């Protein structure tokens, strides 16, 4: 049976299907709004996340916009110099404790007040924000704090998610922190947006070669199953070339063939205003085509619009 969009759910139907999520208007508005600031908080912010399927509590360790990538699709304006700002752990702990204890407060204001009940559960606490989390010297101690408060509030089903560009996964302190998170329902979402060095440089503006990122992903995925997060977009109204997608799929195959455990591949597209005006989202059909190119590898795939 050919894949087709289910008009009620927005999920592509069929025996071999890519899971495509299209929400009702209020939820789509929430999904498209990911501010890194909430009220007067400095480090902690709530997000209704497509890929988390509900409420995610973000932890921003890079309030000075410090990052070693310069992705075309990033919300953050990186034309201004970044700053390394020490994390005030007293403030971080107070904010996280407050939001975990009183998370229903976030649904008092628009656009979140109409969010359905099933999306109001805290599904994860995620290290994300305005830069690469593992670039922050505070990451190991912050991971310990998050794990402690997760236990304090009895959030046994809540994941601790690290969204990472994978550039520093080989660092000893990061390796130790990931091992710690393995014991606290941790999950790694490693970024892979390209299959070739040229496209990698164009899309991500990295500081090191794609081979380094792939080696780090492989070493990490040999230890525990990880999630691959891949954002595809139009650049000057042009989608990723077909040969680029083929090369990307071969990178995934290489990870699998060399002992990497890939729990899931998330393919998604632009949902919010980017810093670069010439970046725009892919159509549903284009994302599904990419997901279906991955499927023969035997990996679980989800496509989000």
C-alpha atoms as a PDB file:
ATOM      1  CA  UNK A   1       0.000   0.000   0.000  1.00  0.00           C
ATOM      2  CA  UNK A   2       1.448   3.386  -0.950  1.00  0.00           C
ATOM      3  CA  UNK A   3       2.091   5.911   1.786  1.00  0.00           C
ATOM      4  CA  UNK A   4      -0.543   8.617   1.976  1.00  0.00           C
ATOM      5  CA  UNK A   5      -1.300  11.450   4.402  1.00  0.00           C
ATOM      6  CA  UNK A   6      -3.989  10.735   6.942  1.00  0.00           C
ATOM      7  CA  UNK A   7      -6.105  13.892   6.759  1.00  0.00           C
ATOM      8  CA  UNK A   8      -7.269  13.631  10.358  1.00  0.00           C
ATOM      9  CA  UNK A   9      -4.008  12.889  12.127  1.00  0.00           C
ATOM     10  CA  UNK A  10      -1.457  14.221   9.646  1.00  0.00           C
ATOM     11  CA  UNK A  11       0.447  10.944  10.021  1.00  0.00           C
ATOM     12  CA  UNK A  12       1.489   9.189   6.841  1.00  0.00           C
ATOM     13  CA  UNK A  13      -0.430   5.909   6.644  1.00  0.00           C
ATOM     14  CA  UNK A  14       0.849   2.661   5.192  1.00  0.00           C
ATOM     15  CA  UNK A  15       2.566  -0.465   6.352  1.00  0.00           C
ATOM     16  CA  UNK A  16       6.005   1.101   5.880  1.00  0.00           C
ATOM     17  CA  UNK A  17       5.465   4.689   6.775  1.00  0.00           C
ATOM     18  CA  UNK A  18       7.337   7.733   7.992  1.00  0.00           C
ATOM     19  CA  UNK A  19       5.695   9.180  11.051  1.00  0.00           C
ATOM     20  CA  UNK A  20       4.814  12.764  10.224  1.00  0.00           C
ATOM     21  CA  UNK A  21       3.292  14.984  12.874  1.00  0.00           C
ATOM     22  CA  UNK A  22       0.913  17.827  12.016  1.00  0.00           C
ATOM     23  CA  UNK A  23      -0.853  19.371  14.984  1.00  0.00           C
ATOM     24  CA  UNK A  24      -3.915  21.538  15.288  1.00  0.00           C
ATOM     25  CA  UNK A  25      -3.381  25.290  15.047  1.00  0.00           C
ATOM     26  CA  UNK A  26      -2.761  26.100  18.726  1.00  0.00           C
ATOM     27  CA  UNK A  27      -0.229  23.332  19.058  1.00  0.00           C
ATOM     28  CA  UNK A  28       1.520  24.282  15.820  1.00  0.00           C
ATOM     29  CA  UNK A  29       1.887  27.829  17.122  1.00  0.00           C
ATOM     30  CA  UNK A  30       3.477  26.501  20.307  1.00  0.00           C
ATOM     31  CA  UNK A  31       5.795  24.221  18.328  1.00  0.00           C
ATOM     32  CA  UNK A  32       6.931  27.195  16.251  1.00  0.00           C
ATOM     33  CA  UNK A  33       7.833  29.269  19.320  1.00  0.00           C
ATOM     34  CA  UNK A  34      11.028  28.281  21.133  1.00  0.00           C
ATOM     35  CA  UNK A  35      12.178  31.344  23.090  1.00  0.00           C
ATOM     36  CA  UNK A  36      15.217  30.688  25.282  1.00  0.00           C
ATOM     37  CA  UNK A  37      13.846  33.071  27.921  1.00  0.00           C
ATOM     38  CA  UNK A  38      10.814  32.554  30.127  1.00  0.00           C
ATOM     39  CA  UNK A  39       9.635  35.430  32.300  1.00  0.00           C
ATOM     40  CA  UNK A  40      12.672  36.587  34.285  1.00  0.00           C
ATOM     41  CA  UNK A  41      14.491  33.229  34.225  1.00  0.00           C
ATOM     42  CA  UNK A  42      18.085  33.199  33.014  1.00  0.00           C
ATOM     43  CA  UNK A  43      18.873  29.536  32.287  1.00  0.00           C
ATOM     44  CA  UNK A  44      15.691  27.442  32.328  1.00  0.00           C
ATOM     45  CA  UNK A  45      12.822  27.699  29.856  1.00  0.00           C
ATOM     46  CA  UNK A  46       9.802  25.592  28.812  1.00  0.00           C
ATOM     47  CA  UNK A  47       9.231  24.427  25.252  1.00  0.00           C
ATOM     48  CA  UNK A  48       6.427  22.487  23.609  1.00  0.00           C
ATOM     49  CA  UNK A  49       8.609  20.330  21.410  1.00  0.00           C
ATOM     50  CA  UNK A  50       7.644  18.430  18.262  1.00  0.00           C
ATOM     51  CA  UNK A  51      10.358  15.845  18.744  1.00  0.00           C
ATOM     52  CA  UNK A  52       9.827  15.475  22.499  1.00  0.00           C
ATOM     53  CA  UNK A  53       6.089  15.153  21.848  1.00  0.00           C
ATOM     54  CA  UNK A  54       5.173  17.608  24.531  1.00  0.00           C
ATOM     55  CA  UNK A  55       6.706  19.634  27.312  1.00  0.00           C
ATOM     56  CA  UNK A  56      10.475  19.862  27.411  1.00  0.00           C
ATOM     57  CA  UNK A  57      12.300  21.848  30.083  1.00  0.00           C
ATOM     58  CA  UNK A  58      15.300  23.462  28.426  1.00  0.00           C
ATOM     59  CA  UNK A  59      18.582  24.207  30.198  1.00  0.00           C
ATOM     60  CA  UNK A  60      20.659  26.900  28.497  1.00  0.00           C
ATOM     61  CA  UNK A  61      24.300  26.835  29.611  1.00  0.00           C
ATOM     62  CA  UNK A  62      25.364  29.254  26.868  1.00  0.00           C
ATOM     63  CA  UNK A  63      23.458  32.461  27.550  1.00  0.00           C
ATOM     64  CA  UNK A  64      26.322  34.336  25.875  1.00  0.00           C
ATOM     65  CA  UNK A  65      25.569  32.490  22.584  1.00  0.00           C
ATOM     66  CA  UNK A  66      28.870  30.598  22.698  1.00  0.00           C
ATOM     67  CA  UNK A  67      28.922  27.899  20.007  1.00  0.00           C
ATOM     68  CA  UNK A  68      31.516  26.311  17.727  1.00  0.00           C
ATOM     69  CA  UNK A  69      29.032  25.778  14.872  1.00  0.00           C
ATOM     70  CA  UNK A  70      27.332  28.447  12.787  1.00  0.00           C
ATOM     71  CA  UNK A  71      24.330  26.595  11.340  1.00  0.00           C
ATOM     72  CA  UNK A  72      22.352  28.358   8.646  1.00  0.00           C
ATOM     73  CA  UNK A  73      19.039  27.426  10.266  1.00  0.00           C
ATOM     74  CA  UNK A  74      19.897  28.593  13.794  1.00  0.00           C
ATOM     75  CA  UNK A  75      17.561  31.058  15.498  1.00  0.00           C
ATOM     76  CA  UNK A  76      20.487  32.735  17.213  1.00  0.00           C
ATOM     77  CA  UNK A  77      22.020  35.771  15.527  1.00  0.00           C
ATOM     78  CA  UNK A  78      25.727  34.932  15.497  1.00  0.00           C
ATOM     79  CA  UNK A  79      26.786  38.110  13.728  1.00  0.00           C
ATOM     80  CA  UNK A  80      27.533  39.543  17.172  1.00  0.00           C
ATOM     81  CA  UNK A  81      30.537  38.219  19.134  1.00  0.00           C
ATOM     82  CA  UNK A  82      29.758  35.406  21.561  1.00  0.00           C
ATOM     83  CA  UNK A  83      30.627  35.653  25.249  1.00  0.00           C
ATOM     84  CA  UNK A  84      31.610  32.949  27.732  1.00  0.00           C
ATOM     85  CA  UNK A  85      29.483  33.601  30.814  1.00  0.00           C
ATOM     86  CA  UNK A  86      30.027  31.573  34.006  1.00  0.00           C
ATOM     87  CA  UNK A  87      26.916  29.718  35.116  1.00  0.00           C
ATOM     88  CA  UNK A  88      25.475  30.812  38.457  1.00  0.00           C
ATOM     89  CA  UNK A  89      24.499  27.432  39.904  1.00  0.00           C
ATOM     90  CA  UNK A  90      22.404  28.933  42.682  1.00  0.00           C
ATOM     91  CA  UNK A  91      20.242  30.677  40.088  1.00  0.00           C
ATOM     92  CA  UNK A  92      20.149  27.611  37.824  1.00  0.00           C
ATOM     93  CA  UNK A  93      19.080  25.358  40.702  1.00  0.00           C
ATOM     94  CA  UNK A  94      16.410  27.801  41.897  1.00  0.00           C
ATOM     95  CA  UNK A  95      14.942  28.199  38.403  1.00  0.00           C
ATOM     96  CA  UNK A  96      14.902  24.493  37.674  1.00  0.00           C
ATOM     97  CA  UNK A  97      13.380  23.653  41.055  1.00  0.00           C
ATOM     98  CA  UNK A  98      10.716  26.325  40.576  1.00  0.00           C
ATOM     99  CA  UNK A  99       9.723  25.205  37.076  1.00  0.00           C
ATOM    100  CA  UNK A 100       9.667  21.497  37.944  1.00  0.00           C
ATOM    101  CA  UNK A 101       7.504  22.164  40.980  1.00  0.00           C
ATOM    102  CA  UNK A 102       5.144  24.604  39.268  1.00  0.00           C
ATOM    103  CA  UNK A 103       5.258  23.741  35.596  1.00  0.00           C
ATOM    104  CA  UNK A 104       1.512  24.250  35.157  1.00  0.00           C
ATOM    105  CA  UNK A 105       2.206  28.000  35.408  1.00  0.00           C
ATOM    106  CA  UNK A 106       3.605  28.049  31.918  1.00  0.00           C
ATOM    107  CA  UNK A 107       0.162  27.283  30.505  1.00  0.00           C
ATOM    108  CA  UNK A 108      -1.301  30.473  31.974  1.00  0.00           C
ATOM    109  CA  UNK A 109      -0.061  32.588  29.071  1.00  0.00           C
ATOM    110  CA  UNK A 110      -0.552  32.554  25.294  1.00  0.00           C
ATOM    111  CA  UNK A 111       0.338  30.711  23.128  1.00  0.00           C
ATOM    112  CA  UNK A 112       0.450  27.785  25.567  1.00  0.00           C
ATOM    113  CA  UNK A 113      -2.874  28.120  27.390  1.00  0.00           C
ATOM    114  CA  UNK A 114      -4.725  26.053  24.771  1.00  0.00           C
ATOM    115  CA  UNK A 115      -2.217  23.192  24.719  1.00  0.00           C
ATOM    116  CA  UNK A 116      -4.015  19.833  25.259  1.00  0.00           C
ATOM    117  CA  UNK A 117      -3.489  17.943  28.506  1.00  0.00           C
ATOM    118  CA  UNK A 118      -1.456  15.140  26.939  1.00  0.00           C
ATOM    119  CA  UNK A 119       1.258  17.630  25.939  1.00  0.00           C
ATOM    120  CA  UNK A 120       1.577  19.150  29.422  1.00  0.00           C
ATOM    121  CA  UNK A 121       3.546  16.278  30.960  1.00  0.00           C
ATOM    122  CA  UNK A 122       7.294  16.893  31.420  1.00  0.00           C
ATOM    123  CA  UNK A 123       8.734  14.444  28.903  1.00  0.00           C
ATOM    124  CA  UNK A 124      12.335  15.543  29.208  1.00  0.00           C
ATOM    125  CA  UNK A 125      14.810  17.996  30.654  1.00  0.00           C
ATOM    126  CA  UNK A 126      17.026  18.975  27.746  1.00  0.00           C
ATOM    127  CA  UNK A 127      20.458  20.547  27.525  1.00  0.00           C
ATOM    128  CA  UNK A 128      20.048  22.824  24.534  1.00  0.00           C
ATOM    129  CA  UNK A 129      19.867  26.613  24.375  1.00  0.00           C
ATOM    130  CA  UNK A 130      21.937  29.216  22.563  1.00  0.00           C
ATOM    131  CA  UNK A 131      25.055  27.124  21.949  1.00  0.00           C
ATOM    132  CA  UNK A 132      26.660  23.700  22.203  1.00  0.00           C
ATOM    133  CA  UNK A 133      26.021  22.376  25.754  1.00  0.00           C
ATOM    134  CA  UNK A 134      29.216  20.296  25.951  1.00  0.00           C
ATOM    135  CA  UNK A 135      31.226  23.418  25.143  1.00  0.00           C
ATOM    136  CA  UNK A 136      30.280  24.819  28.550  1.00  0.00           C
ATOM    137  CA  UNK A 137      32.622  24.012  31.468  1.00  0.00           C
ATOM    138  CA  UNK A 138      29.463  23.831  33.573  1.00  0.00           C
ATOM    139  CA  UNK A 139      28.022  20.843  31.711  1.00  0.00           C
ATOM    140  CA  UNK A 140      29.218  18.040  34.075  1.00  0.00           C
ATOM    141  CA  UNK A 141      28.042  19.810  37.237  1.00  0.00           C
ATOM    142  CA  UNK A 142      24.790  20.877  35.571  1.00  0.00           C
ATOM    143  CA  UNK A 143      24.107  17.255  34.584  1.00  0.00           C
ATOM    144  CA  UNK A 144      24.533  16.263  38.227  1.00  0.00           C
ATOM    145  CA  UNK A 145      22.142  18.999  39.342  1.00  0.00           C
ATOM    146  CA  UNK A 146      19.486  18.009  36.804  1.00  0.00           C
ATOM    147  CA  UNK A 147      19.736  14.348  37.823  1.00  0.00           C
ATOM    148  CA  UNK A 148      19.414  15.289  41.498  1.00  0.00           C
ATOM    149  CA  UNK A 149      16.308  17.433  40.979  1.00  0.00           C
ATOM    150  CA  UNK A 150      14.772  14.876  38.638  1.00  0.00           C
ATOM    151  CA  UNK A 151      14.986  12.441  41.559  1.00  0.00           C
ATOM    152  CA  UNK A 152      13.751  14.994  44.090  1.00  0.00           C
ATOM    153  CA  UNK A 153      10.540  15.522  42.129  1.00  0.00           C
ATOM    154  CA  UNK A 154      10.041  11.836  41.377  1.00  0.00           C
ATOM    155  CA  UNK A 155      10.272  12.285  37.603  1.00  0.00           C
ATOM    156  CA  UNK A 156      11.306   8.695  37.030  1.00  0.00           C
ATOM    157  CA  UNK A 157       9.931   8.583  33.477  1.00  0.00           C
ATOM    158  CA  UNK A 158      11.446  11.903  32.459  1.00  0.00           C
ATOM    159  CA  UNK A 159      14.492  11.734  30.201  1.00  0.00           C
ATOM    160  CA  UNK A 160      17.574  13.892  30.480  1.00  0.00           C
ATOM    161  CA  UNK A 161      18.357  14.753  26.875  1.00  0.00           C
ATOM    162  CA  UNK A 162      21.591  16.156  25.493  1.00  0.00           C
ATOM    163  CA  UNK A 163      21.196  17.910  22.137  1.00  0.00           C
ATOM    164  CA  UNK A 164      24.707  18.046  20.748  1.00  0.00           C
ATOM    165  CA  UNK A 165      26.632  18.727  17.565  1.00  0.00           C
ATOM    166  CA  UNK A 166      28.934  15.851  18.665  1.00  0.00           C
ATOM    167  CA  UNK A 167      32.131  17.889  18.300  1.00  0.00           C
ATOM    168  CA  UNK A 168      33.259  17.324  21.904  1.00  0.00           C
ATOM    169  CA  UNK A 169      31.951  13.832  22.602  1.00  0.00           C
ATOM    170  CA  UNK A 170      35.508  12.477  22.766  1.00  0.00           C
ATOM    171  CA  UNK A 171      36.513  14.798  25.629  1.00  0.00           C
ATOM    172  CA  UNK A 172      37.174  12.851  28.882  1.00  0.00           C
ATOM    173  CA  UNK A 173      34.884  15.046  31.007  1.00  0.00           C
ATOM    174  CA  UNK A 174      32.080  14.659  28.467  1.00  0.00           C
ATOM    175  CA  UNK A 175      32.563  10.876  28.298  1.00  0.00           C
ATOM    176  CA  UNK A 176      32.331  10.706  32.095  1.00  0.00           C
ATOM    177  CA  UNK A 177      29.209  12.877  32.126  1.00  0.00           C
ATOM    178  CA  UNK A 178      27.500  10.738  29.484  1.00  0.00           C
ATOM    179  CA  UNK A 179      28.267   7.626  31.526  1.00  0.00           C
ATOM    180  CA  UNK A 180      26.674   9.333  34.537  1.00  0.00           C
ATOM    181  CA  UNK A 181      23.574  10.235  32.511  1.00  0.00           C
ATOM    182  CA  UNK A 182      23.276   6.620  31.356  1.00  0.00           C
ATOM    183  CA  UNK A 183      22.239   5.852  34.930  1.00  0.00           C
ATOM    184  CA  UNK A 184      19.641   8.644  35.039  1.00  0.00           C
ATOM    185  CA  UNK A 185      17.536   7.967  31.939  1.00  0.00           C
ATOM    186  CA  UNK A 186      19.867  10.001  29.765  1.00  0.00           C
ATOM    187  CA  UNK A 187      19.548  10.130  25.994  1.00  0.00           C
ATOM    188  CA  UNK A 188      21.888  11.657  23.412  1.00  0.00           C
ATOM    189  CA  UNK A 189      20.520  13.411  20.348  1.00  0.00           C
ATOM    190  CA  UNK A 190      23.519  13.836  18.048  1.00  0.00           C
ATOM    191  CA  UNK A 191      23.318  16.177  15.078  1.00  0.00           C
ATOM    192  CA  UNK A 192      24.053  14.965  11.555  1.00  0.00           C
ATOM    193  CA  UNK A 193      22.769  17.249   8.797  1.00  0.00           C
ATOM    194  CA  UNK A 194      25.067  16.308   5.912  1.00  0.00           C
ATOM    195  CA  UNK A 195      26.676  13.453   4.056  1.00  0.00           C
ATOM    196  CA  UNK A 196      29.589  15.296   2.452  1.00  0.00           C
ATOM    197  CA  UNK A 197      32.227  17.646   3.768  1.00  0.00           C
ATOM    198  CA  UNK A 198      31.215  20.413   1.349  1.00  0.00           C
ATOM    199  CA  UNK A 199      27.550  20.371   2.391  1.00  0.00           C
ATOM    200  CA  UNK A 200      28.543  20.076   6.062  1.00  0.00           C
ATOM    201  CA  UNK A 201      30.587  23.251   5.757  1.00  0.00           C
ATOM    202  CA  UNK A 202      27.775  25.027   3.942  1.00  0.00           C
ATOM    203  CA  UNK A 203      25.016  24.107   6.382  1.00  0.00           C
ATOM    204  CA  UNK A 204      26.737  23.868   9.765  1.00  0.00           C
ATOM    205  CA  UNK A 205      29.765  26.160   9.562  1.00  0.00           C
ATOM    206  CA  UNK A 206      31.801  23.736  11.700  1.00  0.00           C
ATOM    207  CA  UNK A 207      35.193  24.141  13.320  1.00  0.00           C
ATOM    208  CA  UNK A 208      36.344  20.586  12.494  1.00  0.00           C
ATOM    209  CA  UNK A 209      35.801  18.088   9.653  1.00  0.00           C
ATOM    210  CA  UNK A 210      32.800  15.832   9.217  1.00  0.00           C
ATOM    211  CA  UNK A 211      35.008  12.783   9.768  1.00  0.00           C
ATOM    212  CA  UNK A 212      35.700  13.971  13.325  1.00  0.00           C
ATOM    213  CA  UNK A 213      31.968  14.325  14.029  1.00  0.00           C
ATOM    214  CA  UNK A 214      31.265  10.862  12.614  1.00  0.00           C
ATOM    215  CA  UNK A 215      34.065   9.282  14.657  1.00  0.00           C
ATOM    216  CA  UNK A 216      32.658  10.874  17.809  1.00  0.00           C
ATOM    217  CA  UNK A 217      29.118   9.728  17.025  1.00  0.00           C
ATOM    218  CA  UNK A 218      30.344   6.203  16.359  1.00  0.00           C
ATOM    219  CA  UNK A 219      32.372   5.966  19.565  1.00  0.00           C
ATOM    220  CA  UNK A 220      29.398   7.238  21.579  1.00  0.00           C
ATOM    221  CA  UNK A 221      26.868   4.985  19.830  1.00  0.00           C
ATOM    222  CA  UNK A 222      29.014   1.917  20.468  1.00  0.00           C
ATOM    223  CA  UNK A 223      28.464   2.450  24.196  1.00  0.00           C
ATOM    224  CA  UNK A 224      24.708   3.128  24.202  1.00  0.00           C
ATOM    225  CA  UNK A 225      21.890   3.610  21.658  1.00  0.00           C
ATOM    226  CA  UNK A 226      21.622   7.213  20.528  1.00  0.00           C
ATOM    227  CA  UNK A 227      19.238   9.349  18.486  1.00  0.00           C
ATOM    228  CA  UNK A 228      20.395  11.039  15.283  1.00  0.00           C
ATOM    229  CA  UNK A 229      18.765  14.431  14.695  1.00  0.00           C
ATOM    230  CA  UNK A 230      18.935  15.695  11.111  1.00  0.00           C
ATOM    231  CA  UNK A 231      17.509  18.992   9.934  1.00  0.00           C
ATOM    232  CA  UNK A 232      16.951  19.458   6.199  1.00  0.00           C
ATOM    233  CA  UNK A 233      15.836  22.720   4.598  1.00  0.00           C
ATOM    234  CA  UNK A 234      15.709  24.816   1.493  1.00  0.00           C
ATOM    235  CA  UNK A 235      18.607  27.200   0.952  1.00  0.00           C
ATOM    236  CA  UNK A 236      17.763  29.951  -1.527  1.00  0.00           C
ATOM    237  CA  UNK A 237      14.670  27.835  -2.277  1.00  0.00           C
ATOM    238  CA  UNK A 238      16.786  24.787  -3.201  1.00  0.00           C
ATOM    239  CA  UNK A 239      16.286  21.499  -1.276  1.00  0.00           C
ATOM    240  CA  UNK A 240      19.213  19.201  -0.443  1.00  0.00           C
ATOM    241  CA  UNK A 241      20.544  17.630  -3.657  1.00  0.00           C
ATOM    242  CA  UNK A 242      19.678  13.986  -4.260  1.00  0.00           C
ATOM    243  CA  UNK A 243      23.327  12.947  -4.186  1.00  0.00           C
ATOM    244  CA  UNK A 244      23.721  14.675  -0.814  1.00  0.00           C
ATOM    245  CA  UNK A 245      20.858  12.659   0.656  1.00  0.00           C
ATOM    246  CA  UNK A 246      22.397   9.481  -0.778  1.00  0.00           C
ATOM    247  CA  UNK A 247      25.735  10.355   0.856  1.00  0.00           C
ATOM    248  CA  UNK A 248      23.953  11.095   4.154  1.00  0.00           C
ATOM    249  CA  UNK A 249      22.276   7.671   4.088  1.00  0.00           C
ATOM    250  CA  UNK A 250      25.664   6.068   3.468  1.00  0.00           C
ATOM    251  CA  UNK A 251      27.038   7.845   6.561  1.00  0.00           C
ATOM    252  CA  UNK A 252      24.260   6.245   8.609  1.00  0.00           C
ATOM    253  CA  UNK A 253      25.064   2.888   7.045  1.00  0.00           C
ATOM    254  CA  UNK A 254      28.724   3.338   8.005  1.00  0.00           C
ATOM    255  CA  UNK A 255      27.766   4.004  11.622  1.00  0.00           C
ATOM    256  CA  UNK A 256      25.673   0.837  11.723  1.00  0.00           C
ATOM    257  CA  UNK A 257      28.249  -1.317   9.931  1.00  0.00           C
ATOM    258  CA  UNK A 258      30.915  -0.277  12.428  1.00  0.00           C
ATOM    259  CA  UNK A 259      28.960  -1.115  15.567  1.00  0.00           C
ATOM    260  CA  UNK A 260      26.988   2.054  16.243  1.00  0.00           C
ATOM    261  CA  UNK A 261      23.610   1.607  17.947  1.00  0.00           C
ATOM    262  CA  UNK A 262      21.121   4.060  16.450  1.00  0.00           C
ATOM    263  CA  UNK A 263      17.881   4.082  18.400  1.00  0.00           C
ATOM    264  CA  UNK A 264      16.100   6.492  16.082  1.00  0.00           C
ATOM    265  CA  UNK A 265      16.692   8.974  13.277  1.00  0.00           C
ATOM    266  CA  UNK A 266      14.677  12.182  13.503  1.00  0.00           C
ATOM    267  CA  UNK A 267      14.367  14.026  10.207  1.00  0.00           C
ATOM    268  CA  UNK A 268      12.791  17.440  10.531  1.00  0.00           C
ATOM    269  CA  UNK A 269      12.752  20.872   8.966  1.00  0.00           C
ATOM    270  CA  UNK A 270      12.670  24.522   9.899  1.00  0.00           C
ATOM    271  CA  UNK A 271       9.802  25.394  12.252  1.00  0.00           C
ATOM    272  CA  UNK A 272      10.832  28.841  13.528  1.00  0.00           C
ATOM    273  CA  UNK A 273      12.269  32.068  12.169  1.00  0.00           C
ATOM    274  CA  UNK A 274      15.945  31.607  11.348  1.00  0.00           C
ATOM    275  CA  UNK A 275      18.690  34.208  11.511  1.00  0.00           C
ATOM    276  CA  UNK A 276      19.252  33.747   7.758  1.00  0.00           C
ATOM    277  CA  UNK A 277      16.274  34.923   5.669  1.00  0.00           C
ATOM    278  CA  UNK A 278      17.108  32.655   2.709  1.00  0.00           C
ATOM    279  CA  UNK A 279      16.476  29.465   4.725  1.00  0.00           C
ATOM    280  CA  UNK A 280      12.999  27.929   4.514  1.00  0.00           C
ATOM    281  CA  UNK A 281      11.236  24.673   5.334  1.00  0.00           C
ATOM    282  CA  UNK A 282      10.827  21.536   3.250  1.00  0.00           C
ATOM    283  CA  UNK A 283       7.410  20.224   2.252  1.00  0.00           C
ATOM    284  CA  UNK A 284       5.967  17.160   3.970  1.00  0.00           C
ATOM    285  CA  UNK A 285       6.519  15.044   0.868  1.00  0.00           C
ATOM    286  CA  UNK A 286      10.190  15.985   0.704  1.00  0.00           C
ATOM    287  CA  UNK A 287      10.775  14.975   4.325  1.00  0.00           C
ATOM    288  CA  UNK A 288       8.943  11.700   3.827  1.00  0.00           C
ATOM    289  CA  UNK A 289      11.126  10.955   0.800  1.00  0.00           C
ATOM    290  CA  UNK A 290      14.255  11.402   2.932  1.00  0.00           C
ATOM    291  CA  UNK A 291      12.827   9.221   5.696  1.00  0.00           C
ATOM    292  CA  UNK A 292      11.969   6.501   3.208  1.00  0.00           C
ATOM    293  CA  UNK A 293      15.531   6.576   1.841  1.00  0.00           C
ATOM    294  CA  UNK A 294      16.745   5.806   5.384  1.00  0.00           C
ATOM    295  CA  UNK A 295      14.239   3.060   6.108  1.00  0.00           C
ATOM    296  CA  UNK A 296      16.008   0.217   4.194  1.00  0.00           C
ATOM    297  CA  UNK A 297      18.830   0.493   6.753  1.00  0.00           C
ATOM    298  CA  UNK A 298      16.464  -0.979   9.338  1.00  0.00           C
ATOM    299  CA  UNK A 299      16.508   2.088  11.600  1.00  0.00           C
ATOM    300  CA  UNK A 300      13.402   3.594  13.176  1.00  0.00           C
ATOM    301  CA  UNK A 301      12.693   6.902  11.431  1.00  0.00           C
ATOM    302  CA  UNK A 302      10.424   9.818  12.310  1.00  0.00           C
ATOM    303  CA  UNK A 303       9.790  12.858  10.122  1.00  0.00           C
ATOM    304  CA  UNK A 304       8.509  16.096  11.658  1.00  0.00           C
ATOM    305  CA  UNK A 305       7.161  19.164   9.907  1.00  0.00           C
END
